[in-house]
Amino acid sequence: MMKCLLVLPLVFALAASAAAQLPPDWNPTAAGDEVLSRLIRVTAPHVKGAHDAEFVCVGDRAYIVEHDNDVKPGHSAGAAQYCVLSIVNLGTLEVEQVVPLAKSEQAFENATLPVGACFVPRILQLDDARLRCYFTSEDGARREAQMWYRDFDVTSRTFEPGIHKARLKTSAGVFDMQPQPFHADAVAHGFTKPAQRFGLYIFDSFKQFDGRRYVALNNFPGKQNALALVHDDGATFEIVGHYNEPAAQKLSESAVNRLPDGTWLAICRNDGGNYHFTTSRDGRTWSVGKEMPFVPNGTNSKPTFDRFGGVYYLGWQENASLGGGRRSVFNLDVSRDGQTWERKYRFESPDSFQYPTFHEHDGVIWLSVTQGHLGSTDRIMFGHLERIRQDDPR
């Protein structure tokens, strides 16, 4: 069983009594296999490539957004990439409906999208009846990308006819949510990597702290990361602080949470090697990222960092291959204090296990995950991880 100390600046010393304390005979691989055995395919049968799903649960339904293409496995099909919302019955685990969200050159009531991929969708529950679905319209370096949103009515199961531009608030003002103002604000705070015209995404899951909603932003080709406050309008994202150091690394695609003492902690994908961790007292000024011993052999893929029932769940892709596939091992570690970690799940699959998302609903943790042959990405799977109690990490 893995137990390691978190030694980042500003983080309290080890409190062993706060560990999750799984049973001594706990088998994380067997636990992962059990979860894998009960996942269902969400992606429509005709889809060739699918990736990077997010979801919310409302009542007895899950609403899952993903980007698909009908051309080839993976997620590099350019303008053939489109976004959909799937509705899954949580009782029967059946896909009831797949609703188109956005595609290249689609004409809406108030705007027509330009040529380009509709990419990296995200979803937020606004109230009992409305879900807000975000997506990026981008065409590589050929034009400036734009983050859009569109609202979905859960009663009628229909999207509103129009789309709207998300906004980005920086130290210089409020702008359309595009890569250039995001980059300019980072430069004003010491960032030195070049600007990109695409790649700005809402990356981590939306999370609430002290009654306010936050999310991590990312520019993947620009290797740029920031914590953002989501305004009550659900349309404006205000930059709180950037975390991009050390500049020599290629950090992106982070997951963020807060430790029991209020310290912010982010885990960042690193396309130059292993995951890096950074901390902040106020969300504005962040420490230089470091590798940590409890993630000894990570690879370049999306991490997760959630808290359910008083227990932190840290997910990361291991640099291991099964049957020649990429991203075939994903670890999910748990901790009571964010310092002492134990391996609860080890997901092993030659069909990969990558870009998962976890959410709790009515005492059950649900997950979506991307899978595909030998590490390609051709389907989104969905199911339940476990039932939780507030006083029991198991």
Protein backbone atom coordinates (compact mmCIF):
# COMPACT_ATOMS: atom_id res chain seq x y z
CA MET A 1 0.00 0.00 0.00
CA MET A 2 1.36 3.40 -1.02
CA LYS A 3 1.79 6.07 1.65
CA CYS A 4 3.72 9.28 0.95
CA LEU A 5 4.24 12.72 2.44
CA LEU A 6 3.23 15.95 0.75
CA VAL A 7 6.10 18.38 1.31
CA LEU A 8 5.13 21.35 -0.86
CA PRO A 9 5.53 24.85 0.66
CA LEU A 10 2.67 26.13 2.80
CA VAL A 11 1.22 22.66 3.41
CA PHE A 12 0.93 21.39 6.96
CA ALA A 13 2.99 18.46 8.23
CA LEU A 14 1.79 14.90 8.05
CA ALA A 15 -1.22 13.90 10.15
CA ALA A 16 -1.22 10.11 9.97
CA SER A 17 -4.49 9.78 11.84
CA ALA A 18 -6.24 11.59 8.98
CA ALA A 19 -5.31 8.93 6.40
CA ALA A 20 -8.13 7.23 4.55
CA GLN A 21 -7.08 3.89 6.08
CA LEU A 22 -8.33 1.39 3.54
CA PRO A 23 -8.57 -2.24 4.72
CA PRO A 24 -5.16 -3.92 4.83
CA ASP A 25 -6.22 -6.48 2.22
CA TRP A 26 -7.58 -3.90 -0.20
CA ASN A 27 -6.78 -4.76 -3.83
CA PRO A 28 -6.89 -1.62 -6.01
CA THR A 29 -6.57 -3.56 -9.27
CA ALA A 30 -9.49 -5.83 -8.42
CA ALA A 31 -11.50 -2.78 -7.37
CA GLY A 32 -10.70 -1.10 -10.68
CA ASP A 33 -11.62 -4.21 -12.65
CA GLU A 34 -15.01 -4.31 -10.94
CA VAL A 35 -15.71 -0.72 -11.96
CA LEU A 36 -14.59 -1.38 -15.54
CA SER A 37 -16.91 -4.38 -15.81
CA ARG A 38 -20.01 -2.30 -15.24
CA LEU A 39 -19.34 0.68 -17.51
CA ILE A 40 -21.68 1.31 -20.44
CA ARG A 41 -20.92 2.93 -23.78
CA VAL A 42 -22.41 6.40 -24.19
CA THR A 43 -21.01 7.27 -27.61
CA ALA A 44 -23.33 6.59 -30.57
CA PRO A 45 -22.49 3.50 -32.68
CA HIS A 46 -21.66 5.46 -35.84
CA VAL A 47 -19.00 7.61 -34.14
CA LYS A 48 -15.38 6.87 -35.09
CA GLY A 49 -13.59 9.12 -32.59
CA ALA A 50 -14.66 10.49 -29.18
CA HIS A 51 -12.85 12.16 -26.32
CA ASP A 52 -12.87 14.27 -23.18
CA ALA A 53 -16.38 14.00 -21.73
CA GLU A 54 -17.88 15.93 -18.81
CA PHE A 55 -21.23 15.48 -17.11
CA VAL A 56 -23.70 16.54 -14.47
CA CYS A 57 -26.42 14.49 -12.79
CA VAL A 58 -29.88 15.99 -12.28
CA GLY A 59 -32.60 13.87 -10.72
CA ASP A 60 -32.40 10.39 -12.19
CA ARG A 61 -30.49 11.36 -15.33
CA ALA A 62 -26.88 12.03 -16.28
CA TYR A 63 -26.21 14.66 -18.94
CA ILE A 64 -22.90 13.97 -20.65
CA VAL A 65 -21.13 16.20 -23.18
CA GLU A 66 -18.37 14.95 -25.45
CA HIS A 67 -16.71 15.84 -28.71
CA ASP A 68 -17.00 13.28 -31.52
CA ASN A 69 -16.13 12.77 -35.15
CA ASP A 70 -17.36 10.34 -37.78
CA VAL A 71 -14.06 10.18 -39.69
CA LYS A 72 -11.40 8.35 -37.68
CA PRO A 73 -10.39 7.30 -34.15
CA GLY A 74 -8.81 9.99 -32.02
CA HIS A 75 -9.47 13.69 -31.74
CA SER A 76 -7.47 15.25 -34.56
CA ALA A 77 -10.18 15.32 -37.22
CA GLY A 78 -10.22 19.11 -37.52
CA ALA A 79 -13.52 20.59 -38.59
CA ALA A 80 -15.13 17.13 -38.45
CA GLN A 81 -15.10 17.41 -34.64
CA TYR A 82 -18.55 18.21 -33.25
CA CYS A 83 -20.14 18.24 -29.78
CA VAL A 84 -23.16 16.36 -28.47
CA LEU A 85 -25.06 15.91 -25.21
CA SER A 86 -26.17 12.40 -24.20
CA ILE A 87 -28.87 11.63 -21.63
CA VAL A 88 -28.38 8.49 -19.54
CA ASN A 89 -30.97 6.99 -17.19
CA LEU A 90 -29.16 6.42 -13.88
CA GLY A 91 -31.56 3.62 -12.91
CA THR A 92 -31.36 1.53 -16.06
CA LEU A 93 -27.98 2.78 -17.34
CA GLU A 94 -29.45 3.20 -20.81
CA VAL A 95 -28.68 6.03 -23.21
CA GLU A 96 -32.08 7.61 -23.81
CA GLN A 97 -31.16 10.36 -26.23
CA VAL A 98 -28.21 12.00 -27.99
CA VAL A 99 -28.79 15.69 -28.71
CA PRO A 100 -26.51 17.64 -31.11
CA LEU A 101 -24.84 20.62 -29.45
CA ALA A 102 -22.62 22.31 -32.04
CA LYS A 103 -20.73 21.61 -35.27
CA SER A 104 -18.62 23.46 -37.81
CA GLU A 105 -20.51 26.13 -39.81
CA GLN A 106 -23.75 25.48 -37.93
CA ALA A 107 -26.27 28.32 -38.26
CA PHE A 108 -27.97 29.29 -35.02
CA GLU A 109 -30.70 31.84 -34.42
CA ASN A 110 -28.22 34.62 -33.69
CA ALA A 111 -24.88 33.49 -35.13
CA THR A 112 -23.21 31.05 -37.51
CA LEU A 113 -20.08 29.23 -36.44
CA PRO A 114 -17.05 29.52 -38.71
CA VAL A 115 -15.25 26.51 -40.16
CA GLY A 116 -13.43 24.62 -37.41
CA ALA A 117 -13.60 22.02 -34.71
CA CYS A 118 -16.18 22.26 -31.94
CA PHE A 119 -14.01 20.99 -29.16
CA VAL A 120 -13.64 20.25 -25.42
CA PRO A 121 -17.25 20.70 -24.22
CA ARG A 122 -18.05 21.36 -20.59
CA ILE A 123 -21.36 21.44 -18.71
CA LEU A 124 -22.66 23.33 -15.69
CA GLN A 125 -26.00 23.05 -13.90
CA LEU A 126 -27.46 26.54 -13.55
CA ASP A 127 -30.70 25.55 -11.77
CA ASP A 128 -33.24 22.71 -11.64
CA ALA A 129 -34.20 23.17 -15.28
CA ARG A 130 -31.16 24.60 -17.11
CA LEU A 131 -27.79 23.20 -18.04
CA ARG A 132 -25.14 25.41 -19.63
CA CYS A 133 -22.95 23.69 -22.22
CA TYR A 134 -19.66 25.30 -23.24
CA PHE A 135 -17.49 24.48 -26.24
CA THR A 136 -14.58 26.00 -28.13
CA SER A 137 -14.77 26.76 -31.83
CA GLU A 138 -11.23 26.67 -33.24
CA ASP A 139 -9.35 26.17 -36.50
CA GLY A 140 -5.73 25.88 -35.44
CA ALA A 141 -3.56 28.93 -36.09
CA ARG A 142 -5.81 30.06 -38.95
CA ARG A 143 -8.01 32.19 -36.69
CA GLU A 144 -8.61 33.19 -33.10
CA ALA A 145 -10.59 30.55 -31.19
CA GLN A 146 -13.73 31.45 -29.23
CA MET A 147 -15.42 29.85 -26.22
CA TRP A 148 -19.22 29.67 -26.71
CA TYR A 149 -22.09 28.43 -24.58
CA ARG A 150 -25.62 27.19 -25.19
CA ASP A 151 -28.32 26.37 -22.61
CA PHE A 152 -30.24 23.11 -22.43
CA ASP A 153 -33.72 22.73 -20.93
CA VAL A 154 -34.00 19.41 -19.05
CA THR A 155 -37.81 19.41 -19.14
CA SER A 156 -38.22 19.76 -22.89
CA ARG A 157 -34.85 18.14 -23.63
CA THR A 158 -34.00 20.85 -26.11
CA PHE A 159 -31.26 23.42 -26.57
CA GLU A 160 -32.08 27.07 -26.92
CA PRO A 161 -31.87 28.16 -30.58
CA GLY A 162 -29.01 30.60 -30.05
CA ILE A 163 -25.41 30.51 -28.84
CA HIS A 164 -23.49 33.08 -26.80
CA LYS A 165 -19.86 34.11 -26.37
CA ALA A 166 -18.28 33.42 -23.00
CA ARG A 167 -16.29 36.29 -21.54
CA LEU A 168 -12.88 36.48 -19.88
CA LYS A 169 -12.10 39.02 -17.18
CA THR A 170 -8.40 39.81 -16.75
CA SER A 171 -6.46 42.57 -15.02
CA ALA A 172 -6.86 44.62 -18.22
CA GLY A 173 -10.63 44.35 -18.56
CA VAL A 174 -13.37 42.05 -19.90
CA PHE A 175 -12.93 40.41 -23.30
CA ASP A 176 -14.41 37.71 -25.49
CA MET A 177 -13.07 34.42 -24.15
CA GLN A 178 -10.22 33.96 -26.60
CA PRO A 179 -6.55 32.92 -26.35
CA GLN A 180 -5.02 36.41 -26.86
CA PRO A 181 -6.36 38.16 -23.72
CA PHE A 182 -5.67 35.00 -21.72
CA HIS A 183 -2.06 35.05 -22.91
CA ALA A 184 -1.66 38.81 -22.43
CA ASP A 185 -2.73 38.56 -18.81
CA ALA A 186 -0.25 35.74 -18.20
CA VAL A 187 2.53 37.82 -19.82
CA ALA A 188 1.66 40.69 -17.48
CA HIS A 189 2.35 38.26 -14.64
CA GLY A 190 5.70 37.00 -16.00
CA PHE A 191 4.73 34.34 -18.55
CA THR A 192 7.22 34.07 -21.44
CA LYS A 193 5.96 31.35 -23.79
CA PRO A 194 4.59 32.55 -27.17
CA ALA A 195 0.93 33.27 -27.83
CA GLN A 196 -1.32 30.77 -29.59
CA ARG A 197 -4.50 31.43 -31.55
CA PHE A 198 -6.24 28.26 -30.39
CA GLY A 199 -6.25 25.85 -27.46
CA LEU A 200 -8.03 27.83 -24.71
CA TYR A 201 -10.31 25.44 -22.79
CA ILE A 202 -12.31 25.18 -19.60
CA PHE A 203 -10.43 22.21 -18.35
CA ASP A 204 -11.10 20.98 -14.83
CA SER A 205 -14.56 20.28 -13.41
CA PHE A 206 -16.46 23.20 -11.89
CA LYS A 207 -16.03 23.23 -8.09
CA GLN A 208 -17.49 25.32 -5.29
CA PHE A 209 -15.54 26.77 -2.37
CA ASP A 210 -16.97 29.21 0.18
CA GLY A 211 -20.13 29.56 -1.87
CA ARG A 212 -18.33 30.57 -5.07
CA ARG A 213 -17.66 28.54 -8.20
CA TYR A 214 -14.17 28.05 -9.63
CA VAL A 215 -12.61 26.21 -12.55
CA ALA A 216 -9.15 25.72 -14.06
CA LEU A 217 -8.43 27.17 -17.50
CA ASN A 218 -5.86 25.84 -19.91
CA ASN A 219 -4.24 26.67 -23.21
CA PHE A 220 -2.88 23.33 -24.29
CA PRO A 221 -0.52 24.31 -27.16
CA GLY A 222 0.56 27.39 -25.19
CA LYS A 223 1.27 25.38 -21.99
CA GLN A 224 -0.61 27.93 -19.94
CA ASN A 225 -2.76 27.44 -16.81
CA ALA A 226 -4.87 29.59 -14.51
CA LEU A 227 -7.45 29.42 -11.75
CA ALA A 228 -10.65 31.28 -12.65
CA LEU A 229 -13.66 32.47 -10.69
CA VAL A 230 -16.93 31.81 -12.49
CA HIS A 231 -19.25 34.79 -12.11
CA ASP A 232 -22.86 34.27 -11.13
CA ASP A 233 -23.93 34.91 -14.72
CA GLY A 234 -22.23 31.66 -15.74
CA ALA A 235 -20.80 33.51 -18.72
CA THR A 236 -17.80 35.41 -17.31
CA PHE A 237 -14.58 33.75 -16.16
CA GLU A 238 -12.34 35.96 -14.04
CA ILE A 239 -8.66 35.08 -13.81
CA VAL A 240 -7.62 34.70 -10.17
CA GLY A 241 -4.03 33.58 -10.67
CA HIS A 242 -1.69 31.94 -13.17
CA TYR A 243 0.54 28.94 -12.46
CA ASN A 244 3.03 28.09 -15.19
CA GLU A 245 6.36 27.61 -13.42
CA PRO A 246 8.87 26.17 -13.91
CA ALA A 247 8.92 27.62 -17.43
CA ALA A 248 11.32 24.89 -18.53
CA GLN A 249 8.52 22.32 -18.14
CA LYS A 250 5.47 21.93 -20.41
CA LEU A 251 2.66 22.22 -17.89
CA SER A 252 -1.00 22.13 -18.88
CA GLU A 253 -4.37 20.46 -18.19
CA SER A 254 -4.51 20.89 -14.43
CA ALA A 255 -6.95 19.82 -11.72
CA VAL A 256 -7.42 22.03 -8.66
CA ASN A 257 -8.75 21.64 -5.14
CA ARG A 258 -8.35 23.10 -1.67
CA LEU A 259 -6.76 21.36 1.28
CA PRO A 260 -8.30 21.40 4.79
CA ASP A 261 -6.24 24.45 5.81
CA GLY A 262 -7.51 26.42 2.80
CA THR A 263 -4.39 26.03 0.69
CA TRP A 264 -5.02 25.66 -3.04
CA LEU A 265 -3.31 22.68 -4.65
CA ALA A 266 -3.09 22.02 -8.39
CA ILE A 267 -1.75 18.97 -10.20
CA CYS A 268 -0.57 19.72 -13.75
CA ARG A 269 -0.01 17.47 -16.71
CA ASN A 270 3.55 17.79 -18.01
CA ASP A 271 4.36 17.07 -21.64
CA GLY A 272 8.01 17.17 -20.62
CA GLY A 273 7.74 14.36 -18.05
CA ASN A 274 6.01 13.64 -14.77
CA TYR A 275 3.12 15.57 -13.18
CA HIS A 276 3.97 18.72 -11.23
CA PHE A 277 2.19 20.11 -8.14
CA THR A 278 1.86 23.76 -7.16
CA THR A 279 0.25 25.47 -4.17
CA SER A 280 -1.19 28.86 -3.30
CA ARG A 281 -2.54 30.49 -0.16
CA ASP A 282 -4.81 32.91 -1.98
CA GLY A 283 -5.24 31.44 -5.48
CA ARG A 284 -3.29 34.38 -6.93
CA THR A 285 0.36 33.68 -6.21
CA TRP A 286 1.48 30.10 -6.80
CA SER A 287 4.62 28.17 -5.90
CA VAL A 288 6.97 26.81 -8.54
CA GLY A 289 5.61 23.40 -9.53
CA LYS A 290 7.41 20.28 -8.31
CA GLU A 291 7.24 16.56 -8.81
CA MET A 292 6.00 14.68 -5.76
CA PRO A 293 7.02 11.19 -4.57
CA PHE A 294 3.47 9.85 -4.37
CA VAL A 295 3.18 10.30 -8.16
CA PRO A 296 6.49 8.72 -9.20
CA ASN A 297 5.91 7.73 -12.82
CA GLY A 298 3.14 9.79 -14.37
CA THR A 299 2.77 10.47 -18.06
CA ASN A 300 1.30 13.30 -20.12
CA SER A 301 -2.46 12.99 -19.64
CA LYS A 302 -5.31 14.63 -17.77
CA PRO A 303 -5.26 14.35 -13.94
CA THR A 304 -8.25 14.62 -11.59
CA PHE A 305 -8.47 16.04 -8.07
CA ASP A 306 -11.81 15.83 -6.27
CA ARG A 307 -13.21 15.61 -2.75
CA PHE A 308 -16.18 13.41 -1.87
CA GLY A 309 -17.50 12.61 1.59
CA GLY A 310 -14.53 14.29 3.26
CA VAL A 311 -12.02 12.26 1.22
CA TYR A 312 -9.74 13.55 -1.54
CA TYR A 313 -9.52 11.52 -4.74
CA LEU A 314 -6.38 12.14 -6.81
CA GLY A 315 -6.34 10.57 -10.28
CA TRP A 316 -3.30 10.32 -12.52
CA GLN A 317 -2.12 8.44 -15.60
CA GLU A 318 0.75 6.04 -15.01
CA ASN A 319 3.58 5.75 -17.53
CA ALA A 320 2.81 2.10 -18.24
CA SER A 321 1.58 0.16 -21.26
CA LEU A 322 -0.63 -2.90 -21.54
CA GLY A 323 -0.58 -4.74 -24.85
CA GLY A 324 1.27 -1.90 -26.54
CA GLY A 325 -1.42 0.67 -25.81
CA ARG A 326 -1.06 4.22 -24.49
CA ARG A 327 -2.68 5.52 -21.31
CA SER A 328 -3.62 2.03 -20.26
CA VAL A 329 -3.12 2.46 -16.50
CA PHE A 330 -4.83 5.11 -14.37
CA ASN A 331 -4.46 5.34 -10.59
CA LEU A 332 -7.00 6.83 -8.20
CA ASP A 333 -5.52 7.54 -4.76
CA VAL A 334 -7.38 8.70 -1.65
CA SER A 335 -6.51 10.80 1.38
CA ARG A 336 -8.27 12.42 4.32
CA ASP A 337 -5.82 15.31 4.57
CA GLY A 338 -4.34 15.68 1.09
CA GLN A 339 -0.97 14.59 2.40
CA THR A 340 -1.01 10.85 3.06
CA TRP A 341 -2.21 8.87 0.05
CA GLU A 342 -3.39 5.31 -0.45
CA ARG A 343 -4.11 3.53 -3.72
CA LYS A 344 -7.84 2.80 -3.92
CA TYR A 345 -8.27 2.04 -7.61
CA ARG A 346 -5.90 0.97 -10.34
CA PHE A 347 -7.64 0.90 -13.69
CA GLU A 348 -5.82 -1.34 -16.16
CA SER A 349 -7.05 -1.76 -19.72
CA PRO A 350 -5.39 -2.31 -23.10
CA ASP A 351 -8.29 -0.22 -24.43
CA SER A 352 -6.94 2.65 -22.30
CA PHE A 353 -8.48 4.50 -19.38
CA GLN A 354 -7.97 8.21 -19.87
CA TYR A 355 -9.51 11.64 -19.27
CA PRO A 356 -11.94 10.47 -16.59
CA THR A 357 -14.32 12.75 -14.72
CA PHE A 358 -15.87 11.98 -11.33
CA HIS A 359 -18.98 13.53 -9.74
CA GLU A 360 -21.06 12.66 -6.67
CA HIS A 361 -24.85 12.58 -6.90
CA ASP A 362 -27.21 11.37 -4.17
CA GLY A 363 -24.42 9.55 -2.35
CA VAL A 364 -22.99 7.80 -5.42
CA ILE A 365 -19.79 8.74 -7.27
CA TRP A 366 -20.31 8.46 -11.01
CA LEU A 367 -17.65 8.60 -13.69
CA SER A 368 -17.19 9.14 -17.39
CA VAL A 369 -14.01 8.03 -19.16
CA THR A 370 -12.50 7.91 -22.63
CA GLN A 371 -11.45 4.54 -24.04
CA GLY A 372 -10.18 3.26 -27.39
CA HIS A 373 -8.09 0.49 -28.89
CA LEU A 374 -4.38 0.78 -28.04
CA GLY A 375 -4.85 4.25 -26.62
CA SER A 376 -6.86 5.74 -29.46
CA THR A 377 -10.03 7.55 -28.42
CA ASP A 378 -13.20 6.19 -29.97
CA ARG A 379 -15.82 6.02 -27.20
CA ILE A 380 -17.00 7.50 -23.92
CA MET A 381 -17.94 5.07 -21.14
CA PHE A 382 -20.07 5.83 -18.08
CA GLY A 383 -20.97 4.16 -14.81
CA HIS A 384 -20.70 4.32 -11.04
CA LEU A 385 -17.50 4.20 -9.06
CA GLU A 386 -18.85 3.65 -5.56
CA ARG A 387 -21.41 4.64 -2.97
CA ILE A 388 -20.10 6.91 -0.23
CA ARG A 389 -21.00 7.88 3.29
CA GLN A 390 -19.88 11.13 4.83
CA ASP A 391 -18.05 9.31 7.61
CA ASP A 392 -16.58 6.45 5.55
CA PRO A 393 -13.93 6.77 2.79
CA ARG A 394 -14.81 3.35 1.42
